């Protein structure tokens, strides 16, 4: 059975979200002394170094094409990689996990809005229903099934940073669609990584020249290396290809499964307990994804 490009796009988006979800349990064991800039710098520097053996020669070969597209490659790398990571880590310093999870879930909504407004993408009524069901699942998950928790939410600067981060990821997903067919995926990724590392280097230099600055220990570096090589590099490559196949709006619906997978991984690796609200939220998230991809499932059944 051969998958259509649309079906392949959904599977790639799902794989990317599974890989990204593994970051959240790992971030919990990283030292709190690391600043958002440091976390972002080591993440993208290691990702860049992992990509060099595969992309440096290709980058040189297609350098003229990269230069022709720098006006959108630069913001894609800086906004989608550097700025997003800094804002996400910064938000964690001044807001709680419930608020962060709820606000992060707005990213696919931004994707759908931007895709429909600026990219001419259209969602079917069934896909809109799936989007609404998935949103409900995320809210149930982060509120622990008790809607009264909404009254306890207080908004801080961290909430604003997380909202901006979610919007930046939506913009990044729009920019990914502009990759010309002649620009290979690895060259595209390599160019954005260069932009990201260059943007972060001056800020990291300011942190490193402090008299009390200390390099992260070996275990921290190993965790950051894993985050760079597997969830970051592999996840972004899968996501970029998925957006090419099915568009940012449809890929964004699958993005809602991140809280579900993060919860499951926390149970396995951190031995956290599974609650009824997590089961309910997970069912709603999966149901929303299945609803929005119902036409794809019918196509696969016929093939």
Protein backbone atom coordinates (compact mmCIF):
# COMPACT_ATOMS: atom_id res chain seq x y z
CA UNK A 1 0.00 0.00 0.00
CA UNK A 2 1.44 3.35 -1.02
CA UNK A 3 0.66 6.34 1.14
CA UNK A 4 -0.48 9.50 -0.57
CA UNK A 5 1.46 12.67 0.17
CA UNK A 6 -1.33 13.83 2.47
CA UNK A 7 -1.32 10.62 4.50
CA UNK A 8 2.47 10.72 4.69
CA UNK A 9 2.27 14.33 5.91
CA UNK A 10 0.02 13.35 8.82
CA UNK A 11 2.33 10.51 9.84
CA UNK A 12 5.40 12.75 9.69
CA UNK A 13 3.66 15.41 11.81
CA UNK A 14 2.74 12.74 14.36
CA UNK A 15 6.32 11.43 14.53
CA UNK A 16 7.61 14.97 15.00
CA UNK A 17 5.24 15.62 17.89
CA UNK A 18 6.23 12.34 19.57
CA UNK A 19 9.90 13.34 19.41
CA UNK A 20 9.21 16.91 20.60
CA UNK A 21 7.18 15.63 23.52
CA UNK A 22 10.25 13.83 24.93
CA UNK A 23 11.86 17.22 25.64
CA UNK A 24 9.47 18.15 28.45
CA UNK A 25 10.39 15.33 30.89
CA UNK A 26 14.08 16.02 30.20
CA UNK A 27 13.80 19.76 30.79
CA UNK A 28 12.54 19.01 34.29
CA UNK A 29 15.89 17.46 35.25
CA UNK A 30 18.06 20.25 33.82
CA UNK A 31 19.69 22.62 36.35
CA UNK A 32 17.56 25.69 37.06
CA UNK A 33 20.75 27.78 37.07
CA UNK A 34 20.89 27.64 33.26
CA UNK A 35 19.44 30.80 31.72
CA UNK A 36 17.00 30.70 28.76
CA UNK A 37 19.75 32.04 26.49
CA UNK A 38 22.17 29.31 27.59
CA UNK A 39 19.59 26.57 27.09
CA UNK A 40 18.71 27.88 23.64
CA UNK A 41 22.36 28.34 22.66
CA UNK A 42 23.50 24.83 23.60
CA UNK A 43 20.41 23.31 22.05
CA UNK A 44 20.94 24.92 18.65
CA UNK A 45 24.74 24.77 18.68
CA UNK A 46 24.63 21.01 19.21
CA UNK A 47 21.92 20.70 16.57
CA UNK A 48 24.10 22.66 14.15
CA UNK A 49 27.12 20.45 14.88
CA UNK A 50 25.04 17.30 14.35
CA UNK A 51 23.88 18.67 11.00
CA UNK A 52 27.33 19.77 9.73
CA UNK A 53 28.45 16.33 8.42
CA UNK A 54 25.27 16.03 6.35
CA UNK A 55 24.60 19.59 5.30
CA UNK A 56 27.81 21.65 5.04
CA UNK A 57 28.88 20.46 1.59
CA UNK A 58 25.33 20.74 0.29
CA UNK A 59 25.08 24.25 1.75
CA UNK A 60 28.18 25.32 -0.16
CA UNK A 61 26.83 23.76 -3.35
CA UNK A 62 23.49 25.57 -3.10
CA UNK A 63 24.84 28.78 -1.56
CA UNK A 64 23.58 30.97 -4.40
CA UNK A 65 20.05 29.61 -3.94
CA UNK A 66 20.29 30.21 -0.20
CA UNK A 67 21.31 33.82 -0.86
CA UNK A 68 18.33 34.24 -3.18
CA UNK A 69 15.99 33.15 -0.37
CA UNK A 70 17.68 34.78 2.63
CA UNK A 71 14.80 37.22 3.21
CA UNK A 72 12.60 34.41 4.57
CA UNK A 73 15.29 31.91 5.65
CA UNK A 74 16.71 34.42 8.13
CA UNK A 75 13.43 35.10 9.97
CA UNK A 76 12.54 31.40 9.87
CA UNK A 77 15.78 30.48 11.66
CA UNK A 78 15.80 33.39 14.09
CA UNK A 79 12.09 33.36 14.97
CA UNK A 80 11.34 29.63 14.77
CA UNK A 81 14.55 28.44 16.43
CA UNK A 82 16.33 31.09 18.53
CA UNK A 83 13.52 33.39 19.65
CA UNK A 84 11.01 30.58 20.22
CA UNK A 85 13.40 28.67 22.49
CA UNK A 86 14.40 31.73 24.51
CA UNK A 87 10.80 32.81 25.04
CA UNK A 88 9.71 29.30 26.01
CA UNK A 89 12.47 28.93 28.62
CA UNK A 90 11.92 32.49 29.85
CA UNK A 91 8.20 31.87 30.28
CA UNK A 92 8.99 28.95 32.58
CA UNK A 93 10.68 31.35 35.03
CA UNK A 94 7.60 33.49 35.66
CA UNK A 95 4.53 31.32 35.02
CA UNK A 96 3.35 27.87 36.03
CA UNK A 97 3.08 24.73 33.94
CA UNK A 98 -0.72 24.93 33.65
CA UNK A 99 -0.63 28.37 32.09
CA UNK A 100 2.28 27.44 29.81
CA UNK A 101 0.52 24.33 28.51
CA UNK A 102 -2.75 26.14 27.92
CA UNK A 103 -1.11 29.06 26.11
CA UNK A 104 1.23 26.81 24.07
CA UNK A 105 -1.88 25.07 22.75
CA UNK A 106 -2.78 28.26 20.86
CA UNK A 107 0.00 27.64 18.31
CA UNK A 108 -2.14 25.47 15.98
CA UNK A 109 -4.94 28.04 16.20
CA UNK A 110 -2.48 30.69 15.02
CA UNK A 111 -1.34 28.30 12.28
CA UNK A 112 -4.87 27.78 11.02
CA UNK A 113 -5.61 31.52 11.10
CA UNK A 114 -2.40 32.50 9.30
CA UNK A 115 -2.70 29.67 6.77
CA UNK A 116 -6.27 30.62 5.88
CA UNK A 117 -5.54 34.36 5.82
CA UNK A 118 -2.20 34.52 4.03
CA UNK A 119 -1.62 31.12 2.38
CA UNK A 120 -5.08 30.47 0.97
CA UNK A 121 -5.43 27.14 2.82
CA UNK A 122 -8.95 25.99 3.59
CA UNK A 123 -10.14 23.69 6.36
CA UNK A 124 -13.27 21.60 5.82
CA UNK A 125 -16.12 21.74 8.37
CA UNK A 126 -15.01 18.33 9.65
CA UNK A 127 -11.49 19.61 10.18
CA UNK A 128 -12.81 22.61 12.10
CA UNK A 129 -14.76 20.21 14.32
CA UNK A 130 -11.62 18.15 14.82
CA UNK A 131 -9.72 21.32 15.75
CA UNK A 132 -12.35 22.23 18.34
CA UNK A 133 -12.38 18.72 19.84
CA UNK A 134 -8.56 18.67 20.08
CA UNK A 135 -8.57 22.11 21.77
CA UNK A 136 -11.11 20.82 24.29
CA UNK A 137 -8.88 17.81 24.98
CA UNK A 138 -5.87 20.03 25.66
CA UNK A 139 -7.89 22.24 28.02
CA UNK A 140 -9.21 19.18 29.92
CA UNK A 141 -5.67 17.86 30.17
CA UNK A 142 -4.03 21.02 31.52
CA UNK A 143 -6.94 21.91 33.86
CA UNK A 144 -6.91 18.39 35.31
CA UNK A 145 -10.56 17.98 34.38
CA UNK A 146 -11.75 20.68 36.80
CA UNK A 147 -13.10 23.74 34.98
CA UNK A 148 -13.07 25.68 38.28
CA UNK A 149 -9.28 25.86 37.86
CA UNK A 150 -9.89 28.52 35.21
CA UNK A 151 -10.73 30.93 38.03
CA UNK A 152 -7.33 30.25 39.61
CA UNK A 153 -5.35 31.23 36.53
CA UNK A 154 -3.35 34.42 36.95
CA UNK A 155 -1.50 35.99 34.06
CA UNK A 156 2.10 37.18 34.25
CA UNK A 157 4.78 38.33 31.83
CA UNK A 158 5.61 34.64 31.37
CA UNK A 159 2.16 34.07 29.89
CA UNK A 160 2.79 36.86 27.41
CA UNK A 161 6.18 35.39 26.46
CA UNK A 162 4.58 31.97 25.89
CA UNK A 163 1.83 33.50 23.77
CA UNK A 164 4.44 35.28 21.63
CA UNK A 165 6.41 32.01 21.36
CA UNK A 166 3.33 30.15 20.12
CA UNK A 167 2.72 32.86 17.54
CA UNK A 168 6.36 32.69 16.38
CA UNK A 169 6.09 28.94 15.85
CA UNK A 170 3.01 29.51 13.72
CA UNK A 171 4.91 32.07 11.63
CA UNK A 172 7.79 29.62 11.28
CA UNK A 173 5.39 26.98 9.97
CA UNK A 174 4.14 29.47 7.38
CA UNK A 175 7.69 30.27 6.25
CA UNK A 176 8.52 26.56 5.85
CA UNK A 177 6.01 26.43 3.00
CA UNK A 178 8.15 28.87 1.00
CA UNK A 179 11.02 26.42 0.52
CA UNK A 180 11.59 26.11 -3.25
CA UNK A 181 11.71 22.58 -4.63
CA UNK A 182 15.29 23.18 -5.83
CA UNK A 183 16.46 23.81 -2.24
CA UNK A 184 17.15 20.42 -0.57
CA UNK A 185 15.71 19.81 2.88
CA UNK A 186 19.14 19.46 4.51
CA UNK A 187 20.34 22.74 2.95
CA UNK A 188 17.17 24.44 4.16
CA UNK A 189 17.72 23.15 7.70
CA UNK A 190 21.43 23.98 7.65
CA UNK A 191 20.80 27.56 6.55
CA UNK A 192 18.28 28.18 9.34
CA UNK A 193 20.63 26.63 11.90
CA UNK A 194 23.39 29.00 10.82
CA UNK A 195 21.02 31.95 11.27
CA UNK A 196 19.95 30.65 14.67
CA UNK A 197 23.46 30.09 16.06
CA UNK A 198 24.67 33.45 14.75
CA UNK A 199 21.73 35.20 16.40
CA UNK A 200 22.32 33.46 19.74
CA UNK A 201 26.14 33.78 19.84
CA UNK A 202 26.35 37.46 20.89
CA UNK A 203 23.82 36.91 23.70
CA UNK A 204 25.68 33.79 24.85
CA UNK A 205 28.96 35.72 24.79
CA UNK A 206 27.50 38.30 27.17
CA UNK A 207 26.54 35.50 29.58
CA UNK A 208 29.88 33.69 29.25
CA UNK A 209 32.06 36.70 30.12
CA UNK A 210 30.50 36.97 33.57
CA UNK A 211 33.11 36.25 36.28
CA UNK A 212 30.84 33.66 37.92
CA UNK A 213 29.93 31.81 34.70
CA UNK A 214 30.40 28.03 34.85
CA UNK A 215 30.03 25.57 31.97
CA UNK A 216 27.25 22.98 32.35
CA UNK A 217 28.33 19.61 33.75
CA UNK A 218 28.76 16.48 31.64
CA UNK A 219 25.30 15.03 32.32
CA UNK A 220 23.64 18.31 31.37
CA UNK A 221 25.64 18.40 28.15
CA UNK A 222 24.59 14.82 27.32
CA UNK A 223 20.93 15.70 27.86
CA UNK A 224 21.28 18.79 25.66
CA UNK A 225 23.05 16.69 23.00
CA UNK A 226 20.15 14.23 22.94
CA UNK A 227 17.62 17.09 22.75
CA UNK A 228 19.60 18.59 19.87
CA UNK A 229 20.07 15.40 17.83
CA UNK A 230 16.75 13.60 18.24
CA UNK A 231 13.79 15.83 19.21
CA UNK A 232 15.20 19.03 17.70
CA UNK A 233 17.01 18.06 14.49
CA UNK A 234 14.99 14.99 13.56
CA UNK A 235 11.73 16.49 14.81
CA UNK A 236 12.11 19.72 12.84
CA UNK A 237 13.09 17.85 9.67
CA UNK A 238 9.98 15.67 9.97
CA UNK A 239 7.79 18.69 10.73
CA UNK A 240 9.15 20.69 7.79
CA UNK A 241 8.42 17.86 5.38
CA UNK A 242 4.97 17.35 6.90
CA UNK A 243 4.07 21.03 6.40
CA UNK A 244 5.16 20.72 2.76
CA UNK A 245 2.78 17.79 2.27
CA UNK A 246 -0.35 18.89 4.16
CA UNK A 247 0.15 22.57 5.07
CA UNK A 248 0.60 24.27 8.42
CA UNK A 249 -3.08 24.30 9.38
CA UNK A 250 -3.55 20.53 9.10
CA UNK A 251 -0.16 19.73 10.61
CA UNK A 252 -1.06 22.07 13.46
CA UNK A 253 -3.99 19.85 14.44
CA UNK A 254 -1.60 16.94 15.02
CA UNK A 255 0.54 19.30 17.13
CA UNK A 256 -2.12 19.05 19.84
CA UNK A 257 -0.95 15.53 20.66
CA UNK A 258 2.24 16.85 22.31
CA UNK A 259 0.65 17.23 25.79
CA UNK A 260 -0.75 13.71 25.50
CA UNK A 261 2.60 12.13 24.65
CA UNK A 262 4.38 14.24 27.27
CA UNK A 263 2.01 12.94 29.92
CA UNK A 264 2.56 9.33 28.85
CA UNK A 265 6.33 9.78 28.88
CA UNK A 266 6.18 11.36 32.33
CA UNK A 267 4.39 8.23 33.56
CA UNK A 268 7.01 5.93 32.06
CA UNK A 269 10.18 7.86 32.89
CA UNK A 270 9.20 9.98 35.92
CA UNK A 271 6.70 7.47 37.40
CA UNK A 272 3.88 10.02 37.55
CA UNK A 273 0.32 8.79 38.06
CA UNK A 274 -2.27 8.76 35.27
CA UNK A 275 -5.44 10.68 36.15
CA UNK A 276 -8.94 10.37 34.72
CA UNK A 277 -8.61 13.87 33.23
CA UNK A 278 -5.45 12.80 31.39
CA UNK A 279 -7.27 9.80 29.92
CA UNK A 280 -10.26 11.97 28.94
CA UNK A 281 -8.05 14.68 27.47
CA UNK A 282 -6.04 12.10 25.55
CA UNK A 283 -9.17 10.55 24.06
CA UNK A 284 -10.43 13.98 22.96
CA UNK A 285 -7.06 14.91 21.43
CA UNK A 286 -6.82 11.65 19.48
CA UNK A 287 -10.48 11.94 18.50
CA UNK A 288 -9.96 15.46 17.20
CA UNK A 289 -6.97 14.36 15.12
CA UNK A 290 -8.90 11.40 13.70
CA UNK A 291 -11.89 13.60 12.87
CA UNK A 292 -9.76 16.13 11.03
CA UNK A 293 -8.01 13.38 9.07
CA UNK A 294 -11.13 11.27 8.42
CA UNK A 295 -10.92 11.79 4.67
CA UNK A 296 -7.33 10.52 4.75
CA UNK A 297 -8.34 7.38 6.64
CA UNK A 298 -11.05 6.69 4.06
CA UNK A 299 -8.51 7.07 1.28
CA UNK A 300 -6.14 4.61 2.97
CA UNK A 301 -8.95 2.12 3.49
CA UNK A 302 -9.77 2.18 -0.22
CA UNK A 303 -6.13 1.82 -1.31
